């Protein structure tokens, strides 16, 4: 890919001095490296999301979507789900102290038709039966 970028720069900037061409090529390569490192950091952050430790009190009167909204605030990450599908389901009362997000989701989604996965940099809650 970098060879194509260098070839493109050479073809389209033949009137520029060699020093300018070198600076342009170096900047493009550095930008590609920074973008790659940023994407890797984002993927590691999502992998660590499920192991993130949280403190959360869940009350018997709460609905499941309420818990998901609160988890979204605590994790500072986007959780995608259909509110209309969640509405009929109540949350299970529990006190979570230093519990990983994975444990909370497993317990709260147990005995419901929902599962979860990381999809397109978001935590996706989906209906397993569909």
C-alpha atoms as a PDB file:
ATOM      1  CA  UNK A   1       0.000   0.000   0.000  1.00  0.00           C
ATOM      2  CA  UNK A   2       2.796   2.427   0.840  1.00  0.00           C
ATOM      3  CA  UNK A   3       4.345   1.753  -2.594  1.00  0.00           C
ATOM      4  CA  UNK A   4       1.096   2.858  -4.241  1.00  0.00           C
ATOM      5  CA  UNK A   5       1.019   6.015  -2.129  1.00  0.00           C
ATOM      6  CA  UNK A   6       4.627   6.858  -3.016  1.00  0.00           C
ATOM      7  CA  UNK A   7       3.940   6.175  -6.721  1.00  0.00           C
ATOM      8  CA  UNK A   8       0.846   8.388  -6.622  1.00  0.00           C
ATOM      9  CA  UNK A   9       2.794  11.223  -5.020  1.00  0.00           C
ATOM     10  CA  UNK A  10       5.606  10.892  -7.571  1.00  0.00           C
ATOM     11  CA  UNK A  11       3.196  10.858 -10.521  1.00  0.00           C
ATOM     12  CA  UNK A  12       1.228  13.877  -9.340  1.00  0.00           C
ATOM     13  CA  UNK A  13       4.028  16.044  -7.971  1.00  0.00           C
ATOM     14  CA  UNK A  14       6.801  15.794 -10.561  1.00  0.00           C
ATOM     15  CA  UNK A  15       7.473  19.541 -10.505  1.00  0.00           C
ATOM     16  CA  UNK A  16       8.232  19.592  -6.761  1.00  0.00           C
ATOM     17  CA  UNK A  17      11.806  19.393  -5.459  1.00  0.00           C
ATOM     18  CA  UNK A  18      13.014  16.094  -3.988  1.00  0.00           C
ATOM     19  CA  UNK A  19      13.111  17.516  -0.434  1.00  0.00           C
ATOM     20  CA  UNK A  20       9.404  18.387  -0.581  1.00  0.00           C
ATOM     21  CA  UNK A  21       8.586  14.951  -2.018  1.00  0.00           C
ATOM     22  CA  UNK A  22      10.490  13.312   0.840  1.00  0.00           C
ATOM     23  CA  UNK A  23       8.589  15.379   3.431  1.00  0.00           C
ATOM     24  CA  UNK A  24       5.240  14.517   1.816  1.00  0.00           C
ATOM     25  CA  UNK A  25       6.086  10.807   1.692  1.00  0.00           C
ATOM     26  CA  UNK A  26       7.301  10.824   5.297  1.00  0.00           C
ATOM     27  CA  UNK A  27       4.149  12.600   6.502  1.00  0.00           C
ATOM     28  CA  UNK A  28       1.890  10.124   4.690  1.00  0.00           C
ATOM     29  CA  UNK A  29       3.753   7.163   6.177  1.00  0.00           C
ATOM     30  CA  UNK A  30       3.689   8.653   9.680  1.00  0.00           C
ATOM     31  CA  UNK A  31      -0.044   9.313   9.345  1.00  0.00           C
ATOM     32  CA  UNK A  32      -0.626   5.680   8.342  1.00  0.00           C
ATOM     33  CA  UNK A  33       1.376   4.462  11.356  1.00  0.00           C
ATOM     34  CA  UNK A  34      -0.529   6.724  13.771  1.00  0.00           C
ATOM     35  CA  UNK A  35      -3.877   5.593  12.330  1.00  0.00           C
ATOM     36  CA  UNK A  36      -2.888   1.929  12.729  1.00  0.00           C
ATOM     37  CA  UNK A  37      -1.820   2.449  16.343  1.00  0.00           C
ATOM     38  CA  UNK A  38      -5.055   4.329  17.104  1.00  0.00           C
ATOM     39  CA  UNK A  39      -7.204   1.514  15.648  1.00  0.00           C
ATOM     40  CA  UNK A  40      -5.306  -1.096  17.682  1.00  0.00           C
ATOM     41  CA  UNK A  41      -5.827   0.933  20.864  1.00  0.00           C
ATOM     42  CA  UNK A  42      -9.568   1.164  20.140  1.00  0.00           C
ATOM     43  CA  UNK A  43      -9.820  -2.623  19.679  1.00  0.00           C
ATOM     44  CA  UNK A  44      -7.975  -3.272  22.961  1.00  0.00           C
ATOM     45  CA  UNK A  45     -10.299  -0.854  24.740  1.00  0.00           C
ATOM     46  CA  UNK A  46     -13.325  -2.808  23.486  1.00  0.00           C
ATOM     47  CA  UNK A  47     -11.779  -6.133  24.491  1.00  0.00           C
ATOM     48  CA  UNK A  48     -11.216  -4.737  27.974  1.00  0.00           C
ATOM     49  CA  UNK A  49     -14.782  -3.412  28.126  1.00  0.00           C
ATOM     50  CA  UNK A  50     -16.284  -6.756  29.187  1.00  0.00           C
ATOM     51  CA  UNK A  51     -13.710  -7.140  31.956  1.00  0.00           C
ATOM     52  CA  UNK A  52     -14.220  -3.604  33.289  1.00  0.00           C
ATOM     53  CA  UNK A  53     -15.084  -3.677  37.015  1.00  0.00           C
ATOM     54  CA  UNK A  54     -18.251  -1.877  38.084  1.00  0.00           C
ATOM     55  CA  UNK A  55     -20.232  -1.140  41.233  1.00  0.00           C
ATOM     56  CA  UNK A  56     -23.960  -1.192  40.587  1.00  0.00           C
ATOM     57  CA  UNK A  57     -27.134  -1.665  42.612  1.00  0.00           C
ATOM     58  CA  UNK A  58     -30.016  -3.114  40.620  1.00  0.00           C
ATOM     59  CA  UNK A  59     -33.501  -2.775  42.089  1.00  0.00           C
ATOM     60  CA  UNK A  60     -36.397  -5.192  41.565  1.00  0.00           C
ATOM     61  CA  UNK A  61     -38.628  -2.389  40.259  1.00  0.00           C
ATOM     62  CA  UNK A  62     -36.251  -1.533  37.379  1.00  0.00           C
ATOM     63  CA  UNK A  63     -36.689  -2.511  33.757  1.00  0.00           C
ATOM     64  CA  UNK A  64     -33.888  -4.114  31.765  1.00  0.00           C
ATOM     65  CA  UNK A  65     -33.415  -1.101  29.491  1.00  0.00           C
ATOM     66  CA  UNK A  66     -32.879   1.074  32.572  1.00  0.00           C
ATOM     67  CA  UNK A  67     -29.953  -1.124  33.606  1.00  0.00           C
ATOM     68  CA  UNK A  68     -28.471  -0.959  30.109  1.00  0.00           C
ATOM     69  CA  UNK A  69     -28.675   2.845  30.108  1.00  0.00           C
ATOM     70  CA  UNK A  70     -26.920   2.939  33.481  1.00  0.00           C
ATOM     71  CA  UNK A  71     -24.243   0.504  32.281  1.00  0.00           C
ATOM     72  CA  UNK A  72     -23.687   2.769  29.299  1.00  0.00           C
ATOM     73  CA  UNK A  73     -23.020   5.677  31.654  1.00  0.00           C
ATOM     74  CA  UNK A  74     -20.742   3.663  33.956  1.00  0.00           C
ATOM     75  CA  UNK A  75     -18.652   2.190  31.124  1.00  0.00           C
ATOM     76  CA  UNK A  76     -18.604   5.408  29.061  1.00  0.00           C
ATOM     77  CA  UNK A  77     -19.196   3.214  26.005  1.00  0.00           C
ATOM     78  CA  UNK A  78     -22.060   2.937  23.569  1.00  0.00           C
ATOM     79  CA  UNK A  79     -24.452   0.027  24.147  1.00  0.00           C
ATOM     80  CA  UNK A  80     -26.798  -0.572  21.240  1.00  0.00           C
ATOM     81  CA  UNK A  81     -30.184  -2.232  21.794  1.00  0.00           C
ATOM     82  CA  UNK A  82     -33.860  -1.939  20.857  1.00  0.00           C
ATOM     83  CA  UNK A  83     -35.772  -0.307  23.712  1.00  0.00           C
ATOM     84  CA  UNK A  84     -39.094  -1.712  22.482  1.00  0.00           C
ATOM     85  CA  UNK A  85     -37.769  -5.268  22.660  1.00  0.00           C
ATOM     86  CA  UNK A  86     -36.432  -4.743  26.196  1.00  0.00           C
ATOM     87  CA  UNK A  87     -39.560  -3.126  27.632  1.00  0.00           C
ATOM     88  CA  UNK A  88     -41.386  -6.318  28.767  1.00  0.00           C
ATOM     89  CA  UNK A  89     -38.371  -7.554  30.771  1.00  0.00           C
ATOM     90  CA  UNK A  90     -37.659  -6.612  34.368  1.00  0.00           C
ATOM     91  CA  UNK A  91     -34.180  -6.431  35.834  1.00  0.00           C
ATOM     92  CA  UNK A  92     -33.046  -8.926  38.435  1.00  0.00           C
ATOM     93  CA  UNK A  93     -32.378  -7.294  41.797  1.00  0.00           C
ATOM     94  CA  UNK A  94     -28.702  -7.538  42.719  1.00  0.00           C
ATOM     95  CA  UNK A  95     -25.800  -5.642  44.237  1.00  0.00           C
ATOM     96  CA  UNK A  96     -22.653  -5.742  42.161  1.00  0.00           C
ATOM     97  CA  UNK A  97     -19.429  -4.741  43.867  1.00  0.00           C
ATOM     98  CA  UNK A  98     -16.330  -4.661  41.719  1.00  0.00           C
ATOM     99  CA  UNK A  99     -18.037  -7.009  39.238  1.00  0.00           C
ATOM    100  CA  UNK A 100     -16.923  -7.299  35.612  1.00  0.00           C
ATOM    101  CA  UNK A 101     -19.403  -6.069  33.000  1.00  0.00           C
ATOM    102  CA  UNK A 102     -19.529  -9.583  31.532  1.00  0.00           C
ATOM    103  CA  UNK A 103     -20.876 -11.005  34.816  1.00  0.00           C
ATOM    104  CA  UNK A 104     -23.511  -8.276  35.109  1.00  0.00           C
ATOM    105  CA  UNK A 105     -24.696  -8.809  31.539  1.00  0.00           C
ATOM    106  CA  UNK A 106     -24.728 -12.601  31.920  1.00  0.00           C
ATOM    107  CA  UNK A 107     -26.881 -12.405  35.052  1.00  0.00           C
ATOM    108  CA  UNK A 108     -29.242  -9.692  33.821  1.00  0.00           C
ATOM    109  CA  UNK A 109     -29.777 -11.251  30.380  1.00  0.00           C
ATOM    110  CA  UNK A 110     -30.224 -14.805  31.730  1.00  0.00           C
ATOM    111  CA  UNK A 111     -33.712 -16.217  31.029  1.00  0.00           C
ATOM    112  CA  UNK A 112     -34.326 -13.590  28.336  1.00  0.00           C
ATOM    113  CA  UNK A 113     -34.029 -14.029  24.564  1.00  0.00           C
ATOM    114  CA  UNK A 114     -31.093 -11.598  24.465  1.00  0.00           C
ATOM    115  CA  UNK A 115     -27.371 -12.035  24.054  1.00  0.00           C
ATOM    116  CA  UNK A 116     -24.515  -9.603  23.590  1.00  0.00           C
ATOM    117  CA  UNK A 117     -21.394  -9.141  21.498  1.00  0.00           C
ATOM    118  CA  UNK A 118     -19.000  -6.445  20.409  1.00  0.00           C
ATOM    119  CA  UNK A 119     -19.908  -5.297  16.907  1.00  0.00           C
ATOM    120  CA  UNK A 120     -18.540  -2.273  15.021  1.00  0.00           C
ATOM    121  CA  UNK A 121     -16.887  -0.802  18.125  1.00  0.00           C
ATOM    122  CA  UNK A 122     -20.072  -1.005  20.190  1.00  0.00           C
ATOM    123  CA  UNK A 123     -21.556  -3.431  22.657  1.00  0.00           C
ATOM    124  CA  UNK A 124     -24.593  -4.836  20.879  1.00  0.00           C
ATOM    125  CA  UNK A 125     -27.506  -6.409  22.774  1.00  0.00           C
ATOM    126  CA  UNK A 126     -29.511  -8.507  20.313  1.00  0.00           C
ATOM    127  CA  UNK A 127     -32.365 -11.008  20.197  1.00  0.00           C
ATOM    128  CA  UNK A 128     -30.716 -14.418  19.856  1.00  0.00           C
ATOM    129  CA  UNK A 129     -33.865 -15.986  18.401  1.00  0.00           C
ATOM    130  CA  UNK A 130     -33.789 -13.723  15.303  1.00  0.00           C
END
